[in-house]
């Protein structure tokens, strides 16, 4: 049985594939999520951690891939993932000016586990992605510290994932509403093989009035006129995981289809928007000291890849709606109110 998700309470489930038991990225075996939320007056921010598996990521690296839809972003670590196809730290999400704090935390955590990093071992590639939460959070306060990021790593767990204005999503907005963290999953099948694909998003994008729901309605926030005159300058980070065995090329093909889900919602990836997908397969791993000269691995028969394409589009779309439906209304730094989509849906239910 699938847990009721924020969007499905308003009959906004997406697509035709069934979700996993938690309708979350944590339905993929071994994947865990942790949040550190900071709320103190003008400071409304945080950090979110995604752990691809329970082991030592530096020594046992899952297959990873990156796709940049629009590169207005300040992330760390994407270049090496693109080149090598491996992820060697947890994935952190936070605000734009806290990327360096997240990177320091990941480096310190890796050195604690492997004290020879940078000496007899190679250096480590921290992976941190960001969105700008400055419309709500005092981003210049640099409030997120390495200790906050380390706490998010320590708190990471499986099962139900807190969504909406938590962790990295605390100060985020989307389509003129309060945005934040959202997640969803889908059961996928490749012949006789069954699997899960999960998505977690940091939703901070979309122009007011552009939001399109699965039932065809376009929803605008009942906000100040200034909101409706904004340029598209937000961002969205999409983290995709699946337990089906893919190779690097296939994983890149899958995560590119996350953009289908974003497009269904009404986004067009504006000039000032940083839109990035990061994917990983926790069961496909590269060992630091691999003894074999040639490695044989299972790989998905590409005749079945359309199921994953559909799954990532549906799960991405629903993850954003979960972020919007789970978030509570917030007043931004300049007095602009970012309402909750759930309040608007409750006041104007679909007939």
C-alpha atoms as a PDB file:
ATOM      1  CA  UNK A   1       0.000   0.000   0.000  1.00  0.00           C
ATOM      2  CA  UNK A   2       1.307   3.463  -0.926  1.00  0.00           C
ATOM      3  CA  UNK A   3       1.290   6.193   1.695  1.00  0.00           C
ATOM      4  CA  UNK A   4      -0.957   9.138   0.883  1.00  0.00           C
ATOM      5  CA  UNK A   5       1.205  11.944  -0.543  1.00  0.00           C
ATOM      6  CA  UNK A   6       0.536  15.706  -0.356  1.00  0.00           C
ATOM      7  CA  UNK A   7      -0.473  16.000  -4.035  1.00  0.00           C
ATOM      8  CA  UNK A   8      -2.627  12.865  -4.046  1.00  0.00           C
ATOM      9  CA  UNK A   9      -4.733  14.267  -1.235  1.00  0.00           C
ATOM     10  CA  UNK A  10      -5.939  16.725  -3.890  1.00  0.00           C
ATOM     11  CA  UNK A  11      -6.244  14.017  -6.581  1.00  0.00           C
ATOM     12  CA  UNK A  12      -3.100  15.295  -8.304  1.00  0.00           C
ATOM     13  CA  UNK A  13      -1.295  12.011  -8.824  1.00  0.00           C
ATOM     14  CA  UNK A  14       0.610  12.009 -12.111  1.00  0.00           C
ATOM     15  CA  UNK A  15       0.652   9.433 -14.880  1.00  0.00           C
ATOM     16  CA  UNK A  16      -0.216   5.747 -14.957  1.00  0.00           C
ATOM     17  CA  UNK A  17       2.661   3.922 -13.257  1.00  0.00           C
ATOM     18  CA  UNK A  18       2.125   2.915  -9.605  1.00  0.00           C
ATOM     19  CA  UNK A  19       4.208   4.651  -6.924  1.00  0.00           C
ATOM     20  CA  UNK A  20       6.341   2.799  -4.394  1.00  0.00           C
ATOM     21  CA  UNK A  21       5.231   2.255  -0.783  1.00  0.00           C
ATOM     22  CA  UNK A  22       6.494   5.673   0.413  1.00  0.00           C
ATOM     23  CA  UNK A  23       6.099   7.439  -2.950  1.00  0.00           C
ATOM     24  CA  UNK A  24       9.614   8.731  -2.323  1.00  0.00           C
ATOM     25  CA  UNK A  25      13.188   8.389  -3.517  1.00  0.00           C
ATOM     26  CA  UNK A  26      13.768   6.279  -0.398  1.00  0.00           C
ATOM     27  CA  UNK A  27      11.731   3.505  -2.034  1.00  0.00           C
ATOM     28  CA  UNK A  28      14.949   2.753  -3.945  1.00  0.00           C
ATOM     29  CA  UNK A  29      16.746   0.255  -1.643  1.00  0.00           C
ATOM     30  CA  UNK A  30      19.535   1.806   0.409  1.00  0.00           C
ATOM     31  CA  UNK A  31      18.735   5.445  -0.400  1.00  0.00           C
ATOM     32  CA  UNK A  32      18.312   7.747   2.594  1.00  0.00           C
ATOM     33  CA  UNK A  33      17.407  11.422   3.016  1.00  0.00           C
ATOM     34  CA  UNK A  34      18.209  13.863   5.824  1.00  0.00           C
ATOM     35  CA  UNK A  35      17.321  17.511   6.468  1.00  0.00           C
ATOM     36  CA  UNK A  36      18.741  20.298   8.590  1.00  0.00           C
ATOM     37  CA  UNK A  37      16.272  23.196   8.824  1.00  0.00           C
ATOM     38  CA  UNK A  38      17.272  26.671  10.040  1.00  0.00           C
ATOM     39  CA  UNK A  39      14.536  29.100  11.072  1.00  0.00           C
ATOM     40  CA  UNK A  40      15.603  32.151  13.063  1.00  0.00           C
ATOM     41  CA  UNK A  41      13.968  35.462  12.138  1.00  0.00           C
ATOM     42  CA  UNK A  42      15.276  36.482   8.713  1.00  0.00           C
ATOM     43  CA  UNK A  43      17.231  33.236   8.425  1.00  0.00           C
ATOM     44  CA  UNK A  44      14.950  30.714   6.676  1.00  0.00           C
ATOM     45  CA  UNK A  45      17.156  28.141   5.005  1.00  0.00           C
ATOM     46  CA  UNK A  46      18.765  24.732   5.416  1.00  0.00           C
ATOM     47  CA  UNK A  47      20.442  21.765   3.805  1.00  0.00           C
ATOM     48  CA  UNK A  48      19.191  18.404   2.524  1.00  0.00           C
ATOM     49  CA  UNK A  49      21.303  15.265   2.114  1.00  0.00           C
ATOM     50  CA  UNK A  50      20.703  12.310  -0.211  1.00  0.00           C
ATOM     51  CA  UNK A  51      22.753   9.190   0.591  1.00  0.00           C
ATOM     52  CA  UNK A  52      22.961   6.813  -2.400  1.00  0.00           C
ATOM     53  CA  UNK A  53      23.808   3.827  -0.176  1.00  0.00           C
ATOM     54  CA  UNK A  54      24.820   2.943   3.382  1.00  0.00           C
ATOM     55  CA  UNK A  55      28.484   2.173   2.696  1.00  0.00           C
ATOM     56  CA  UNK A  56      31.654   4.205   2.198  1.00  0.00           C
ATOM     57  CA  UNK A  57      30.874   6.189  -0.957  1.00  0.00           C
ATOM     58  CA  UNK A  58      34.516   7.130  -1.525  1.00  0.00           C
ATOM     59  CA  UNK A  59      35.577   3.479  -1.724  1.00  0.00           C
ATOM     60  CA  UNK A  60      32.374   2.063  -3.212  1.00  0.00           C
ATOM     61  CA  UNK A  61      31.159   4.594  -5.787  1.00  0.00           C
ATOM     62  CA  UNK A  62      27.728   4.306  -7.429  1.00  0.00           C
ATOM     63  CA  UNK A  63      27.258   5.036 -11.097  1.00  0.00           C
ATOM     64  CA  UNK A  64      26.316   8.695 -11.512  1.00  0.00           C
ATOM     65  CA  UNK A  65      25.367  11.102 -14.276  1.00  0.00           C
ATOM     66  CA  UNK A  66      24.527  14.779 -14.708  1.00  0.00           C
ATOM     67  CA  UNK A  67      22.431  16.732 -17.167  1.00  0.00           C
ATOM     68  CA  UNK A  68      22.314  20.540 -17.151  1.00  0.00           C
ATOM     69  CA  UNK A  69      19.141  21.908 -18.744  1.00  0.00           C
ATOM     70  CA  UNK A  70      20.075  25.542 -18.066  1.00  0.00           C
ATOM     71  CA  UNK A  71      23.397  26.358 -16.445  1.00  0.00           C
ATOM     72  CA  UNK A  72      22.639  29.461 -14.380  1.00  0.00           C
ATOM     73  CA  UNK A  73      23.972  27.761 -11.233  1.00  0.00           C
ATOM     74  CA  UNK A  74      26.840  27.590  -8.765  1.00  0.00           C
ATOM     75  CA  UNK A  75      27.040  23.902  -7.951  1.00  0.00           C
ATOM     76  CA  UNK A  76      30.189  21.982  -7.006  1.00  0.00           C
ATOM     77  CA  UNK A  77      31.296  18.587  -8.307  1.00  0.00           C
ATOM     78  CA  UNK A  78      29.177  18.248 -11.454  1.00  0.00           C
ATOM     79  CA  UNK A  79      32.155  18.363 -13.824  1.00  0.00           C
ATOM     80  CA  UNK A  80      33.851  15.260 -12.433  1.00  0.00           C
ATOM     81  CA  UNK A  81      30.600  13.280 -12.279  1.00  0.00           C
ATOM     82  CA  UNK A  82      30.061  14.181 -15.929  1.00  0.00           C
ATOM     83  CA  UNK A  83      33.569  13.010 -16.817  1.00  0.00           C
ATOM     84  CA  UNK A  84      33.885   9.836 -14.715  1.00  0.00           C
ATOM     85  CA  UNK A  85      30.291   8.727 -14.220  1.00  0.00           C
ATOM     86  CA  UNK A  86      30.806   8.115 -10.493  1.00  0.00           C
ATOM     87  CA  UNK A  87      29.540   9.685  -7.257  1.00  0.00           C
ATOM     88  CA  UNK A  88      31.872   9.533  -4.258  1.00  0.00           C
ATOM     89  CA  UNK A  89      30.136  11.609  -1.566  1.00  0.00           C
ATOM     90  CA  UNK A  90      26.569  12.159  -0.386  1.00  0.00           C
ATOM     91  CA  UNK A  91      24.607  14.667  -2.498  1.00  0.00           C
ATOM     92  CA  UNK A  92      23.851  17.914  -0.684  1.00  0.00           C
ATOM     93  CA  UNK A  93      21.250  20.528  -1.625  1.00  0.00           C
ATOM     94  CA  UNK A  94      21.314  24.019  -0.095  1.00  0.00           C
ATOM     95  CA  UNK A  95      21.118  27.730  -0.911  1.00  0.00           C
ATOM     96  CA  UNK A  96      23.435  29.395  -3.426  1.00  0.00           C
ATOM     97  CA  UNK A  97      25.816  31.075  -0.978  1.00  0.00           C
ATOM     98  CA  UNK A  98      26.119  27.969   1.226  1.00  0.00           C
ATOM     99  CA  UNK A  99      27.613  25.666  -1.407  1.00  0.00           C
ATOM    100  CA  UNK A 100      31.109  26.098   0.040  1.00  0.00           C
ATOM    101  CA  UNK A 101      29.897  25.114   3.538  1.00  0.00           C
ATOM    102  CA  UNK A 102      28.348  21.966   2.090  1.00  0.00           C
ATOM    103  CA  UNK A 103      31.503  21.112   0.161  1.00  0.00           C
ATOM    104  CA  UNK A 104      33.640  21.514   3.271  1.00  0.00           C
ATOM    105  CA  UNK A 105      31.315  19.212   5.212  1.00  0.00           C
ATOM    106  CA  UNK A 106      31.515  16.513   2.535  1.00  0.00           C
ATOM    107  CA  UNK A 107      35.307  16.753   2.393  1.00  0.00           C
ATOM    108  CA  UNK A 108      35.619  16.520   6.177  1.00  0.00           C
ATOM    109  CA  UNK A 109      33.198  13.578   6.301  1.00  0.00           C
ATOM    110  CA  UNK A 110      35.160  11.729   3.599  1.00  0.00           C
ATOM    111  CA  UNK A 111      38.501  12.378   5.329  1.00  0.00           C
ATOM    112  CA  UNK A 112      37.075  11.122   8.620  1.00  0.00           C
ATOM    113  CA  UNK A 113      36.218   7.845   6.931  1.00  0.00           C
ATOM    114  CA  UNK A 114      39.406   7.718   4.841  1.00  0.00           C
ATOM    115  CA  UNK A 115      42.261   9.661   6.525  1.00  0.00           C
ATOM    116  CA  UNK A 116      44.609   9.157   3.540  1.00  0.00           C
ATOM    117  CA  UNK A 117      42.477  11.225   1.158  1.00  0.00           C
ATOM    118  CA  UNK A 118      44.746  13.789  -0.511  1.00  0.00           C
ATOM    119  CA  UNK A 119      47.836  11.892   0.662  1.00  0.00           C
ATOM    120  CA  UNK A 120      48.242   8.272  -0.387  1.00  0.00           C
ATOM    121  CA  UNK A 121      44.720   8.339  -1.846  1.00  0.00           C
ATOM    122  CA  UNK A 122      43.236  10.735  -4.408  1.00  0.00           C
ATOM    123  CA  UNK A 123      41.354  13.848  -3.410  1.00  0.00           C
ATOM    124  CA  UNK A 124      37.565  13.678  -3.078  1.00  0.00           C
ATOM    125  CA  UNK A 125      34.868  15.235  -5.271  1.00  0.00           C
ATOM    126  CA  UNK A 126      32.122  16.796  -3.096  1.00  0.00           C
ATOM    127  CA  UNK A 127      28.740  17.087  -4.819  1.00  0.00           C
ATOM    128  CA  UNK A 128      26.623  20.085  -3.803  1.00  0.00           C
ATOM    129  CA  UNK A 129      23.749  21.645  -5.767  1.00  0.00           C
ATOM    130  CA  UNK A 130      21.917  24.868  -4.993  1.00  0.00           C
ATOM    131  CA  UNK A 131      18.973  27.157  -5.530  1.00  0.00           C
ATOM    132  CA  UNK A 132      18.659  30.825  -4.533  1.00  0.00           C
ATOM    133  CA  UNK A 133      16.319  31.252  -1.552  1.00  0.00           C
ATOM    134  CA  UNK A 134      17.012  34.993  -1.184  1.00  0.00           C
ATOM    135  CA  UNK A 135      13.373  36.067  -1.619  1.00  0.00           C
ATOM    136  CA  UNK A 136      12.592  34.524   1.770  1.00  0.00           C
ATOM    137  CA  UNK A 137      15.950  33.879   3.453  1.00  0.00           C
ATOM    138  CA  UNK A 138      18.627  36.437   4.364  1.00  0.00           C
ATOM    139  CA  UNK A 139      21.075  34.655   2.090  1.00  0.00           C
ATOM    140  CA  UNK A 140      23.922  37.049   2.965  1.00  0.00           C
ATOM    141  CA  UNK A 141      23.870  35.767   6.533  1.00  0.00           C
ATOM    142  CA  UNK A 142      25.713  32.619   5.335  1.00  0.00           C
ATOM    143  CA  UNK A 143      23.777  30.804   8.042  1.00  0.00           C
ATOM    144  CA  UNK A 144      24.400  27.231   6.879  1.00  0.00           C
ATOM    145  CA  UNK A 145      27.614  25.891   8.411  1.00  0.00           C
ATOM    146  CA  UNK A 146      29.583  22.705   7.726  1.00  0.00           C
ATOM    147  CA  UNK A 147      28.221  21.374  11.025  1.00  0.00           C
ATOM    148  CA  UNK A 148      24.664  21.856   9.745  1.00  0.00           C
ATOM    149  CA  UNK A 149      25.489  19.882   6.626  1.00  0.00           C
ATOM    150  CA  UNK A 150      27.139  17.136   8.673  1.00  0.00           C
ATOM    151  CA  UNK A 151      24.013  16.950  10.825  1.00  0.00           C
ATOM    152  CA  UNK A 152      21.872  16.448   7.720  1.00  0.00           C
ATOM    153  CA  UNK A 153      24.159  13.570   6.724  1.00  0.00           C
ATOM    154  CA  UNK A 154      23.908  12.010  10.193  1.00  0.00           C
ATOM    155  CA  UNK A 155      20.108  12.388  10.211  1.00  0.00           C
ATOM    156  CA  UNK A 156      19.612  10.724   6.819  1.00  0.00           C
ATOM    157  CA  UNK A 157      17.191   7.803   6.976  1.00  0.00           C
ATOM    158  CA  UNK A 158      14.927   5.706   4.807  1.00  0.00           C
ATOM    159  CA  UNK A 159      11.144   5.561   4.761  1.00  0.00           C
ATOM    160  CA  UNK A 160       8.966   8.666   4.824  1.00  0.00           C
ATOM    161  CA  UNK A 161      10.622  11.895   3.620  1.00  0.00           C
ATOM    162  CA  UNK A 162       9.630  15.271   5.069  1.00  0.00           C
ATOM    163  CA  UNK A 163       8.553  17.564   2.231  1.00  0.00           C
ATOM    164  CA  UNK A 164       7.775  21.207   1.564  1.00  0.00           C
ATOM    165  CA  UNK A 165       9.567  23.960   3.473  1.00  0.00           C
ATOM    166  CA  UNK A 166      12.178  21.780   5.163  1.00  0.00           C
ATOM    167  CA  UNK A 167      15.942  21.424   4.811  1.00  0.00           C
ATOM    168  CA  UNK A 168      17.176  23.059   1.615  1.00  0.00           C
ATOM    169  CA  UNK A 169      13.550  23.812   0.732  1.00  0.00           C
ATOM    170  CA  UNK A 170      12.925  26.083   3.731  1.00  0.00           C
ATOM    171  CA  UNK A 171      13.258  29.339   1.784  1.00  0.00           C
ATOM    172  CA  UNK A 172      12.332  28.194  -1.721  1.00  0.00           C
ATOM    173  CA  UNK A 173       9.385  29.303  -3.882  1.00  0.00           C
ATOM    174  CA  UNK A 174       7.845  27.926  -7.087  1.00  0.00           C
ATOM    175  CA  UNK A 175       5.281  29.416  -9.510  1.00  0.00           C
ATOM    176  CA  UNK A 176       4.639  32.195  -6.976  1.00  0.00           C
ATOM    177  CA  UNK A 177       3.759  29.688  -4.238  1.00  0.00           C
ATOM    178  CA  UNK A 178       5.854  28.415  -1.360  1.00  0.00           C
ATOM    179  CA  UNK A 179       8.012  25.615  -2.799  1.00  0.00           C
ATOM    180  CA  UNK A 180      10.749  23.397  -1.430  1.00  0.00           C
ATOM    181  CA  UNK A 181      11.543  19.688  -1.201  1.00  0.00           C
ATOM    182  CA  UNK A 182       9.341  17.126  -2.926  1.00  0.00           C
ATOM    183  CA  UNK A 183       9.737  13.475  -3.816  1.00  0.00           C
ATOM    184  CA  UNK A 184       7.943  10.672  -5.635  1.00  0.00           C
ATOM    185  CA  UNK A 185       8.631   7.185  -7.004  1.00  0.00           C
ATOM    186  CA  UNK A 186       7.382   4.683  -9.553  1.00  0.00           C
ATOM    187  CA  UNK A 187       7.469   0.920  -9.914  1.00  0.00           C
ATOM    188  CA  UNK A 188       9.234  -0.037 -13.138  1.00  0.00           C
ATOM    189  CA  UNK A 189       9.535  -3.375 -14.913  1.00  0.00           C
ATOM    190  CA  UNK A 190      12.057  -4.657 -17.434  1.00  0.00           C
ATOM    191  CA  UNK A 191      10.727  -8.010 -18.609  1.00  0.00           C
ATOM    192  CA  UNK A 192      10.717 -10.263 -15.551  1.00  0.00           C
ATOM    193  CA  UNK A 193      12.830  -7.794 -13.542  1.00  0.00           C
ATOM    194  CA  UNK A 194      11.027  -5.403 -11.198  1.00  0.00           C
ATOM    195  CA  UNK A 195      12.525  -2.171  -9.895  1.00  0.00           C
ATOM    196  CA  UNK A 196      11.928   1.299  -8.492  1.00  0.00           C
ATOM    197  CA  UNK A 197      12.744   4.736  -9.811  1.00  0.00           C
ATOM    198  CA  UNK A 198      12.637   7.637  -7.357  1.00  0.00           C
ATOM    199  CA  UNK A 199      12.996  11.397  -7.713  1.00  0.00           C
ATOM    200  CA  UNK A 200      13.686  14.131  -5.165  1.00  0.00           C
ATOM    201  CA  UNK A 201      13.427  17.774  -6.240  1.00  0.00           C
ATOM    202  CA  UNK A 202      14.428  21.120  -4.810  1.00  0.00           C
ATOM    203  CA  UNK A 203      11.681  23.227  -6.397  1.00  0.00           C
ATOM    204  CA  UNK A 204      12.442  26.939  -6.712  1.00  0.00           C
ATOM    205  CA  UNK A 205      11.317  27.791 -10.237  1.00  0.00           C
ATOM    206  CA  UNK A 206       8.387  28.764 -12.452  1.00  0.00           C
ATOM    207  CA  UNK A 207       6.549  32.012 -13.146  1.00  0.00           C
ATOM    208  CA  UNK A 208       3.317  32.850 -11.300  1.00  0.00           C
ATOM    209  CA  UNK A 209       0.348  31.878 -13.427  1.00  0.00           C
ATOM    210  CA  UNK A 210       2.231  29.225 -15.417  1.00  0.00           C
ATOM    211  CA  UNK A 211       1.596  26.284 -13.071  1.00  0.00           C
ATOM    212  CA  UNK A 212      -0.375  23.591 -14.901  1.00  0.00           C
ATOM    213  CA  UNK A 213      -1.953  20.762 -12.909  1.00  0.00           C
ATOM    214  CA  UNK A 214      -2.381  17.185 -14.205  1.00  0.00           C
ATOM    215  CA  UNK A 215      -6.123  17.798 -14.643  1.00  0.00           C
ATOM    216  CA  UNK A 216      -5.403  20.717 -17.001  1.00  0.00           C
ATOM    217  CA  UNK A 217      -6.109  23.615 -14.647  1.00  0.00           C
ATOM    218  CA  UNK A 218      -3.700  26.556 -14.631  1.00  0.00           C
ATOM    219  CA  UNK A 219      -3.320  27.927 -11.121  1.00  0.00           C
ATOM    220  CA  UNK A 220      -2.072  31.392 -10.159  1.00  0.00           C
ATOM    221  CA  UNK A 221      -1.335  32.578  -6.628  1.00  0.00           C
ATOM    222  CA  UNK A 222      -3.696  35.168  -5.159  1.00  0.00           C
ATOM    223  CA  UNK A 223      -0.699  37.373  -4.493  1.00  0.00           C
ATOM    224  CA  UNK A 224       0.430  40.943  -4.953  1.00  0.00           C
ATOM    225  CA  UNK A 225       0.615  42.158  -8.584  1.00  0.00           C
ATOM    226  CA  UNK A 226       4.418  42.396  -8.268  1.00  0.00           C
ATOM    227  CA  UNK A 227       4.633  38.601  -8.247  1.00  0.00           C
ATOM    228  CA  UNK A 228       2.993  38.352 -11.650  1.00  0.00           C
ATOM    229  CA  UNK A 229       5.514  40.738 -13.204  1.00  0.00           C
ATOM    230  CA  UNK A 230       8.574  38.693 -12.222  1.00  0.00           C
ATOM    231  CA  UNK A 231      11.072  37.217 -14.657  1.00  0.00           C
ATOM    232  CA  UNK A 232      11.775  33.472 -14.546  1.00  0.00           C
ATOM    233  CA  UNK A 233      14.921  33.387 -12.424  1.00  0.00           C
ATOM    234  CA  UNK A 234      14.454  30.375 -10.187  1.00  0.00           C
ATOM    235  CA  UNK A 235      16.045  26.952 -10.260  1.00  0.00           C
ATOM    236  CA  UNK A 236      15.212  23.295  -9.838  1.00  0.00           C
ATOM    237  CA  UNK A 237      17.483  20.428  -8.842  1.00  0.00           C
ATOM    238  CA  UNK A 238      16.231  16.940  -9.731  1.00  0.00           C
ATOM    239  CA  UNK A 239      17.906  13.931  -8.087  1.00  0.00           C
ATOM    240  CA  UNK A 240      17.000  10.608  -9.716  1.00  0.00           C
ATOM    241  CA  UNK A 241      17.757   7.094  -8.436  1.00  0.00           C
ATOM    242  CA  UNK A 242      16.892   3.620  -9.699  1.00  0.00           C
ATOM    243  CA  UNK A 243      17.806   0.101  -8.655  1.00  0.00           C
ATOM    244  CA  UNK A 244      17.645  -1.244 -12.208  1.00  0.00           C
ATOM    245  CA  UNK A 245      21.162  -1.708 -13.650  1.00  0.00           C
ATOM    246  CA  UNK A 246      22.007   0.948 -16.235  1.00  0.00           C
ATOM    247  CA  UNK A 247      25.210   1.988 -17.924  1.00  0.00           C
ATOM    248  CA  UNK A 248      26.361   5.608 -17.968  1.00  0.00           C
ATOM    249  CA  UNK A 249      24.802   6.425 -21.336  1.00  0.00           C
ATOM    250  CA  UNK A 250      21.462   4.923 -20.314  1.00  0.00           C
ATOM    251  CA  UNK A 251      21.435   6.778 -16.995  1.00  0.00           C
ATOM    252  CA  UNK A 252      22.030  10.079 -18.793  1.00  0.00           C
ATOM    253  CA  UNK A 253      19.193   9.280 -21.178  1.00  0.00           C
ATOM    254  CA  UNK A 254      16.870   8.593 -18.244  1.00  0.00           C
ATOM    255  CA  UNK A 255      17.668  11.721 -16.216  1.00  0.00           C
ATOM    256  CA  UNK A 256      17.216  13.960 -19.265  1.00  0.00           C
ATOM    257  CA  UNK A 257      13.560  12.872 -19.280  1.00  0.00           C
ATOM    258  CA  UNK A 258      13.108  14.512 -15.871  1.00  0.00           C
ATOM    259  CA  UNK A 259      12.717  17.653 -17.937  1.00  0.00           C
ATOM    260  CA  UNK A 260       9.488  16.251 -19.385  1.00  0.00           C
ATOM    261  CA  UNK A 261       7.951  16.378 -15.909  1.00  0.00           C
ATOM    262  CA  UNK A 262       9.116  19.968 -15.407  1.00  0.00           C
ATOM    263  CA  UNK A 263       7.703  20.977 -18.795  1.00  0.00           C
ATOM    264  CA  UNK A 264       4.322  19.405 -18.012  1.00  0.00           C
ATOM    265  CA  UNK A 265       4.084  21.764 -15.040  1.00  0.00           C
ATOM    266  CA  UNK A 266       4.454  24.836 -17.251  1.00  0.00           C
ATOM    267  CA  UNK A 267       8.161  25.671 -16.948  1.00  0.00           C
ATOM    268  CA  UNK A 268      10.311  26.769 -19.881  1.00  0.00           C
ATOM    269  CA  UNK A 269      13.754  26.978 -18.193  1.00  0.00           C
ATOM    270  CA  UNK A 270      14.196  30.730 -18.262  1.00  0.00           C
ATOM    271  CA  UNK A 271      17.452  32.554 -18.871  1.00  0.00           C
ATOM    272  CA  UNK A 272      18.130  33.085 -15.172  1.00  0.00           C
ATOM    273  CA  UNK A 273      17.115  29.590 -14.049  1.00  0.00           C
ATOM    274  CA  UNK A 274      19.563  26.904 -12.942  1.00  0.00           C
ATOM    275  CA  UNK A 275      18.016  23.552 -13.848  1.00  0.00           C
ATOM    276  CA  UNK A 276      20.089  20.440 -13.163  1.00  0.00           C
ATOM    277  CA  UNK A 277      19.430  16.694 -12.988  1.00  0.00           C
ATOM    278  CA  UNK A 278      21.721  14.322 -11.087  1.00  0.00           C
ATOM    279  CA  UNK A 279      21.158  10.577 -11.285  1.00  0.00           C
ATOM    280  CA  UNK A 280      22.632   7.470  -9.711  1.00  0.00           C
ATOM    281  CA  UNK A 281      22.254   3.698  -9.641  1.00  0.00           C
ATOM    282  CA  UNK A 282      23.130   2.524  -6.104  1.00  0.00           C
ATOM    283  CA  UNK A 283      23.525  -1.089  -7.234  1.00  0.00           C
ATOM    284  CA  UNK A 284      26.064  -0.307  -9.979  1.00  0.00           C
ATOM    285  CA  UNK A 285      29.316   0.453  -8.174  1.00  0.00           C
ATOM    286  CA  UNK A 286      32.958   1.148  -8.883  1.00  0.00           C
ATOM    287  CA  UNK A 287      35.425   0.025  -6.213  1.00  0.00           C
ATOM    288  CA  UNK A 288      38.363   2.281  -5.373  1.00  0.00           C
ATOM    289  CA  UNK A 289      40.880  -0.557  -5.669  1.00  0.00           C
ATOM    290  CA  UNK A 290      39.197  -2.686  -8.343  1.00  0.00           C
ATOM    291  CA  UNK A 291      41.567  -5.623  -9.043  1.00  0.00           C
ATOM    292  CA  UNK A 292      40.056  -6.710 -12.366  1.00  0.00           C
ATOM    293  CA  UNK A 293      41.321  -5.327 -15.656  1.00  0.00           C
ATOM    294  CA  UNK A 294      37.958  -5.884 -17.346  1.00  0.00           C
ATOM    295  CA  UNK A 295      34.695  -5.540 -15.431  1.00  0.00           C
ATOM    296  CA  UNK A 296      31.509  -7.344 -16.445  1.00  0.00           C
ATOM    297  CA  UNK A 297      28.252  -5.772 -15.302  1.00  0.00           C
ATOM    298  CA  UNK A 298      24.543  -6.417 -15.925  1.00  0.00           C
ATOM    299  CA  UNK A 299      22.873  -3.779 -18.083  1.00  0.00           C
ATOM    300  CA  UNK A 300      19.278  -2.978 -18.921  1.00  0.00           C
ATOM    301  CA  UNK A 301      18.036  -4.270 -22.245  1.00  0.00           C
ATOM    302  CA  UNK A 302      17.279  -0.984 -23.981  1.00  0.00           C
ATOM    303  CA  UNK A 303      14.063  -2.393 -25.380  1.00  0.00           C
ATOM    304  CA  UNK A 304      12.656  -1.732 -21.866  1.00  0.00           C
ATOM    305  CA  UNK A 305      14.043   1.779 -21.276  1.00  0.00           C
ATOM    306  CA  UNK A 306      10.797   3.546 -22.256  1.00  0.00           C
ATOM    307  CA  UNK A 307       9.328   2.451 -18.918  1.00  0.00           C
ATOM    308  CA  UNK A 308      12.051   4.391 -17.096  1.00  0.00           C
ATOM    309  CA  UNK A 309      11.529   7.398 -19.352  1.00  0.00           C
ATOM    310  CA  UNK A 310       7.840   7.425 -18.408  1.00  0.00           C
ATOM    311  CA  UNK A 311       8.633   6.830 -14.735  1.00  0.00           C
ATOM    312  CA  UNK A 312      11.060   9.712 -14.395  1.00  0.00           C
ATOM    313  CA  UNK A 313       8.683  12.124 -16.144  1.00  0.00           C
ATOM    314  CA  UNK A 314       5.759  11.134 -13.909  1.00  0.00           C
ATOM    315  CA  UNK A 315       7.784  11.076 -10.676  1.00  0.00           C
ATOM    316  CA  UNK A 316       9.420  14.447 -11.351  1.00  0.00           C
ATOM    317  CA  UNK A 317       6.090  16.104 -12.082  1.00  0.00           C
ATOM    318  CA  UNK A 318       4.532  14.651  -8.932  1.00  0.00           C
ATOM    319  CA  UNK A 319       7.572  15.438  -6.766  1.00  0.00           C
ATOM    320  CA  UNK A 320       7.215  19.137  -7.572  1.00  0.00           C
ATOM    321  CA  UNK A 321       3.482  19.027  -6.815  1.00  0.00           C
ATOM    322  CA  UNK A 322       4.254  17.287  -3.517  1.00  0.00           C
ATOM    323  CA  UNK A 323       6.689  20.091  -2.636  1.00  0.00           C
ATOM    324  CA  UNK A 324       4.033  22.698  -3.395  1.00  0.00           C
ATOM    325  CA  UNK A 325       1.195  20.885  -1.620  1.00  0.00           C
ATOM    326  CA  UNK A 326       3.285  20.149   1.501  1.00  0.00           C
ATOM    327  CA  UNK A 327       4.593  23.698   1.966  1.00  0.00           C
ATOM    328  CA  UNK A 328       3.039  26.223   4.348  1.00  0.00           C
ATOM    329  CA  UNK A 329       2.599  29.899   3.357  1.00  0.00           C
ATOM    330  CA  UNK A 330       5.501  32.241   4.103  1.00  0.00           C
ATOM    331  CA  UNK A 331       6.068  36.001   4.026  1.00  0.00           C
ATOM    332  CA  UNK A 332       9.265  36.902   2.196  1.00  0.00           C
ATOM    333  CA  UNK A 333      11.937  39.399   3.197  1.00  0.00           C
ATOM    334  CA  UNK A 334      10.267  42.256   1.326  1.00  0.00           C
ATOM    335  CA  UNK A 335       6.790  41.537   2.677  1.00  0.00           C
ATOM    336  CA  UNK A 336       5.592  39.533  -0.328  1.00  0.00           C
ATOM    337  CA  UNK A 337       3.412  36.604   0.709  1.00  0.00           C
ATOM    338  CA  UNK A 338       4.097  33.255  -0.936  1.00  0.00           C
ATOM    339  CA  UNK A 339       0.882  31.302  -0.371  1.00  0.00           C
ATOM    340  CA  UNK A 340       0.451  27.555  -0.046  1.00  0.00           C
ATOM    341  CA  UNK A 341      -0.890  25.772  -3.097  1.00  0.00           C
ATOM    342  CA  UNK A 342      -2.852  23.503  -0.742  1.00  0.00           C
ATOM    343  CA  UNK A 343      -4.835  26.477   0.559  1.00  0.00           C
ATOM    344  CA  UNK A 344      -5.765  27.572  -2.964  1.00  0.00           C
ATOM    345  CA  UNK A 345      -6.761  24.025  -3.946  1.00  0.00           C
ATOM    346  CA  UNK A 346      -8.867  23.639  -0.802  1.00  0.00           C
ATOM    347  CA  UNK A 347     -10.673  26.906  -1.504  1.00  0.00           C
ATOM    348  CA  UNK A 348     -11.236  26.063  -5.177  1.00  0.00           C
ATOM    349  CA  UNK A 349     -11.586  22.280  -5.472  1.00  0.00           C
ATOM    350  CA  UNK A 350     -11.757  20.676  -8.866  1.00  0.00           C
ATOM    351  CA  UNK A 351     -15.428  20.102  -9.784  1.00  0.00           C
END
